[in-house]
Amino acid sequence: MAGDAGLTDITGADLLAGCVVSPHYTADQEATARRWSRDHDVTVLAIPETAGVVVDGDRARNAGPSPVEVFTPAGSSVHAAGETWALRQEPGGAARSR
């Protein structure tokens, strides 16, 4: 655990722009991902076993082949293979433009 090592700052490098990942995501986990996003005010990247996400700055791209679901406190979206989206969300869930 982080406390065992004497760490106090466990924010890491924030390579996912504040998002959290739900790996090996399956459709039966939708309610949990939606609730986690709302309860913790974060974006959840729900990545199934057969998909991958490439992150470049605050942009993400679904490397496919399966769709990736993104849950925000304001709702959710599905991104097909090859699709790109903004990781950082404005208050209210709107994607922040670059």
C-alpha atoms as a PDB file:
ATOM      1  CA  MET A   1       0.000   0.000   0.000  1.00  0.00           C
ATOM      2  CA  ALA A   2       1.085   3.574  -0.604  1.00  0.00           C
ATOM      3  CA  GLY A   3       1.092   4.398   3.140  1.00  0.00           C
ATOM      4  CA  ASP A   4       3.398   1.458   3.848  1.00  0.00           C
ATOM      5  CA  ALA A   5       6.076   3.046   1.659  1.00  0.00           C
ATOM      6  CA  GLY A   6       5.679   6.462   3.281  1.00  0.00           C
ATOM      7  CA  LEU A   7       4.143   7.995   0.151  1.00  0.00           C
ATOM      8  CA  THR A   8       1.801  10.922   0.614  1.00  0.00           C
ATOM      9  CA  ASP A   9       1.270  11.981  -3.014  1.00  0.00           C
ATOM     10  CA  ILE A  10      -0.179   9.082  -5.002  1.00  0.00           C
ATOM     11  CA  THR A  11      -1.551  11.114  -7.921  1.00  0.00           C
ATOM     12  CA  GLY A  12       1.046   9.694 -10.299  1.00  0.00           C
ATOM     13  CA  ALA A  13       1.841  11.375 -13.575  1.00  0.00           C
ATOM     14  CA  ASP A  14      -1.863  11.928 -14.440  1.00  0.00           C
ATOM     15  CA  LEU A  15      -1.291  10.344 -17.840  1.00  0.00           C
ATOM     16  CA  LEU A  16      -5.031   9.728 -18.182  1.00  0.00           C
ATOM     17  CA  ALA A  17      -6.084  13.335 -17.519  1.00  0.00           C
ATOM     18  CA  GLY A  18      -7.807  12.381 -14.264  1.00  0.00           C
ATOM     19  CA  CYS A  19      -9.718   9.459 -15.776  1.00  0.00           C
ATOM     20  CA  VAL A  20      -9.908   6.020 -14.218  1.00  0.00           C
ATOM     21  CA  VAL A  21      -9.931   2.730 -16.131  1.00  0.00           C
ATOM     22  CA  SER A  22     -12.316  -0.167 -15.796  1.00  0.00           C
ATOM     23  CA  PRO A  23     -10.238  -2.907 -17.481  1.00  0.00           C
ATOM     24  CA  HIS A  24     -11.720  -6.090 -18.948  1.00  0.00           C
ATOM     25  CA  TYR A  25     -15.073  -4.282 -18.987  1.00  0.00           C
ATOM     26  CA  THR A  26     -18.235  -6.216 -19.812  1.00  0.00           C
ATOM     27  CA  ALA A  27     -21.758  -4.897 -20.328  1.00  0.00           C
ATOM     28  CA  ASP A  28     -22.943  -6.355 -17.008  1.00  0.00           C
ATOM     29  CA  GLN A  29     -20.631  -3.827 -15.251  1.00  0.00           C
ATOM     30  CA  GLU A  30     -22.417  -0.790 -16.717  1.00  0.00           C
ATOM     31  CA  ALA A  31     -24.312   0.145 -13.540  1.00  0.00           C
ATOM     32  CA  THR A  32     -21.125  -0.049 -11.473  1.00  0.00           C
ATOM     33  CA  ALA A  33     -19.122   2.103 -13.927  1.00  0.00           C
ATOM     34  CA  ARG A  34     -21.930   4.663 -14.152  1.00  0.00           C
ATOM     35  CA  ARG A  35     -22.287   4.831 -10.356  1.00  0.00           C
ATOM     36  CA  TRP A  36     -18.502   5.073  -9.799  1.00  0.00           C
ATOM     37  CA  SER A  37     -18.283   7.990 -12.235  1.00  0.00           C
ATOM     38  CA  ARG A  38     -21.137   9.833 -10.566  1.00  0.00           C
ATOM     39  CA  ASP A  39     -20.111   9.097  -6.965  1.00  0.00           C
ATOM     40  CA  HIS A  40     -16.456  10.082  -7.505  1.00  0.00           C
ATOM     41  CA  ASP A  41     -17.021  12.852 -10.092  1.00  0.00           C
ATOM     42  CA  VAL A  42     -14.586  11.274 -12.566  1.00  0.00           C
ATOM     43  CA  THR A  43     -14.556   9.932 -16.097  1.00  0.00           C
ATOM     44  CA  VAL A  44     -14.423   6.137 -16.314  1.00  0.00           C
ATOM     45  CA  LEU A  45     -12.901   4.534 -19.415  1.00  0.00           C
ATOM     46  CA  ALA A  46     -14.614   1.151 -19.699  1.00  0.00           C
ATOM     47  CA  ILE A  47     -12.221  -0.864 -21.868  1.00  0.00           C
ATOM     48  CA  PRO A  48     -13.213  -4.415 -22.822  1.00  0.00           C
ATOM     49  CA  GLU A  49     -10.702  -7.232 -23.208  1.00  0.00           C
ATOM     50  CA  THR A  50     -10.811  -6.833 -26.998  1.00  0.00           C
ATOM     51  CA  ALA A  51     -10.091  -3.096 -27.172  1.00  0.00           C
ATOM     52  CA  GLY A  52      -7.299  -0.717 -26.318  1.00  0.00           C
ATOM     53  CA  VAL A  53      -7.016   3.023 -25.779  1.00  0.00           C
ATOM     54  CA  VAL A  54      -4.087   5.118 -26.975  1.00  0.00           C
ATOM     55  CA  VAL A  55      -3.654   8.396 -25.075  1.00  0.00           C
ATOM     56  CA  ASP A  56      -1.860  11.440 -26.470  1.00  0.00           C
ATOM     57  CA  GLY A  57      -2.055  14.404 -24.124  1.00  0.00           C
ATOM     58  CA  ASP A  58      -5.732  14.954 -23.362  1.00  0.00           C
ATOM     59  CA  ARG A  59      -6.953  13.026 -26.418  1.00  0.00           C
ATOM     60  CA  ALA A  60      -7.768   9.316 -26.546  1.00  0.00           C
ATOM     61  CA  ARG A  61      -8.236   6.951 -29.498  1.00  0.00           C
ATOM     62  CA  ASN A  62      -9.888   3.562 -29.452  1.00  0.00           C
ATOM     63  CA  ALA A  63      -7.384   1.149 -30.990  1.00  0.00           C
ATOM     64  CA  GLY A  64     -10.209  -1.393 -31.323  1.00  0.00           C
ATOM     65  CA  PRO A  65     -11.549  -3.638 -32.447  1.00  0.00           C
ATOM     66  CA  SER A  66     -14.354  -3.479 -29.840  1.00  0.00           C
ATOM     67  CA  PRO A  67     -16.098  -0.276 -28.764  1.00  0.00           C
ATOM     68  CA  VAL A  68     -15.008   1.572 -25.616  1.00  0.00           C
ATOM     69  CA  GLU A  69     -17.608   3.087 -23.305  1.00  0.00           C
ATOM     70  CA  VAL A  70     -16.872   6.340 -21.485  1.00  0.00           C
ATOM     71  CA  PHE A  71     -18.887   7.238 -18.388  1.00  0.00           C
ATOM     72  CA  THR A  72     -18.972  10.774 -17.003  1.00  0.00           C
ATOM     73  CA  PRO A  73     -21.080  12.115 -14.144  1.00  0.00           C
ATOM     74  CA  ALA A  74     -23.351  13.637 -16.807  1.00  0.00           C
ATOM     75  CA  GLY A  75     -23.825  10.516 -18.948  1.00  0.00           C
ATOM     76  CA  SER A  76     -22.001   8.119 -21.222  1.00  0.00           C
ATOM     77  CA  SER A  77     -20.756   7.694 -24.773  1.00  0.00           C
ATOM     78  CA  VAL A  78     -19.547   4.821 -26.921  1.00  0.00           C
ATOM     79  CA  HIS A  79     -16.473   5.119 -29.136  1.00  0.00           C
ATOM     80  CA  ALA A  80     -15.930   2.761 -32.052  1.00  0.00           C
ATOM     81  CA  ALA A  81     -12.531   1.507 -33.195  1.00  0.00           C
ATOM     82  CA  GLY A  82     -10.496   4.398 -34.619  1.00  0.00           C
ATOM     83  CA  GLU A  83     -12.608   7.084 -32.958  1.00  0.00           C
ATOM     84  CA  THR A  84     -10.885   9.911 -31.030  1.00  0.00           C
ATOM     85  CA  TRP A  85     -12.272  11.943 -28.116  1.00  0.00           C
ATOM     86  CA  ALA A  86     -11.231  14.439 -25.420  1.00  0.00           C
ATOM     87  CA  LEU A  87     -10.348  12.911 -22.054  1.00  0.00           C
ATOM     88  CA  ARG A  88     -10.901  16.043 -19.988  1.00  0.00           C
ATOM     89  CA  GLN A  89     -14.496  16.998 -19.421  1.00  0.00           C
ATOM     90  CA  GLU A  90     -15.919  20.410 -18.618  1.00  0.00           C
ATOM     91  CA  PRO A  91     -18.315  20.694 -15.657  1.00  0.00           C
ATOM     92  CA  GLY A  92     -21.610  19.190 -16.717  1.00  0.00           C
ATOM     93  CA  GLY A  93     -19.882  16.516 -18.813  1.00  0.00           C
ATOM     94  CA  ALA A  94     -19.208  18.426 -22.040  1.00  0.00           C
ATOM     95  CA  ALA A  95     -15.933  17.527 -23.707  1.00  0.00           C
ATOM     96  CA  ARG A  96     -13.287  20.201 -23.469  1.00  0.00           C
ATOM     97  CA  SER A  97     -12.108  21.278 -26.910  1.00  0.00           C
ATOM     98  CA  ARG A  98      -8.482  21.887 -27.795  1.00  0.00           C
END
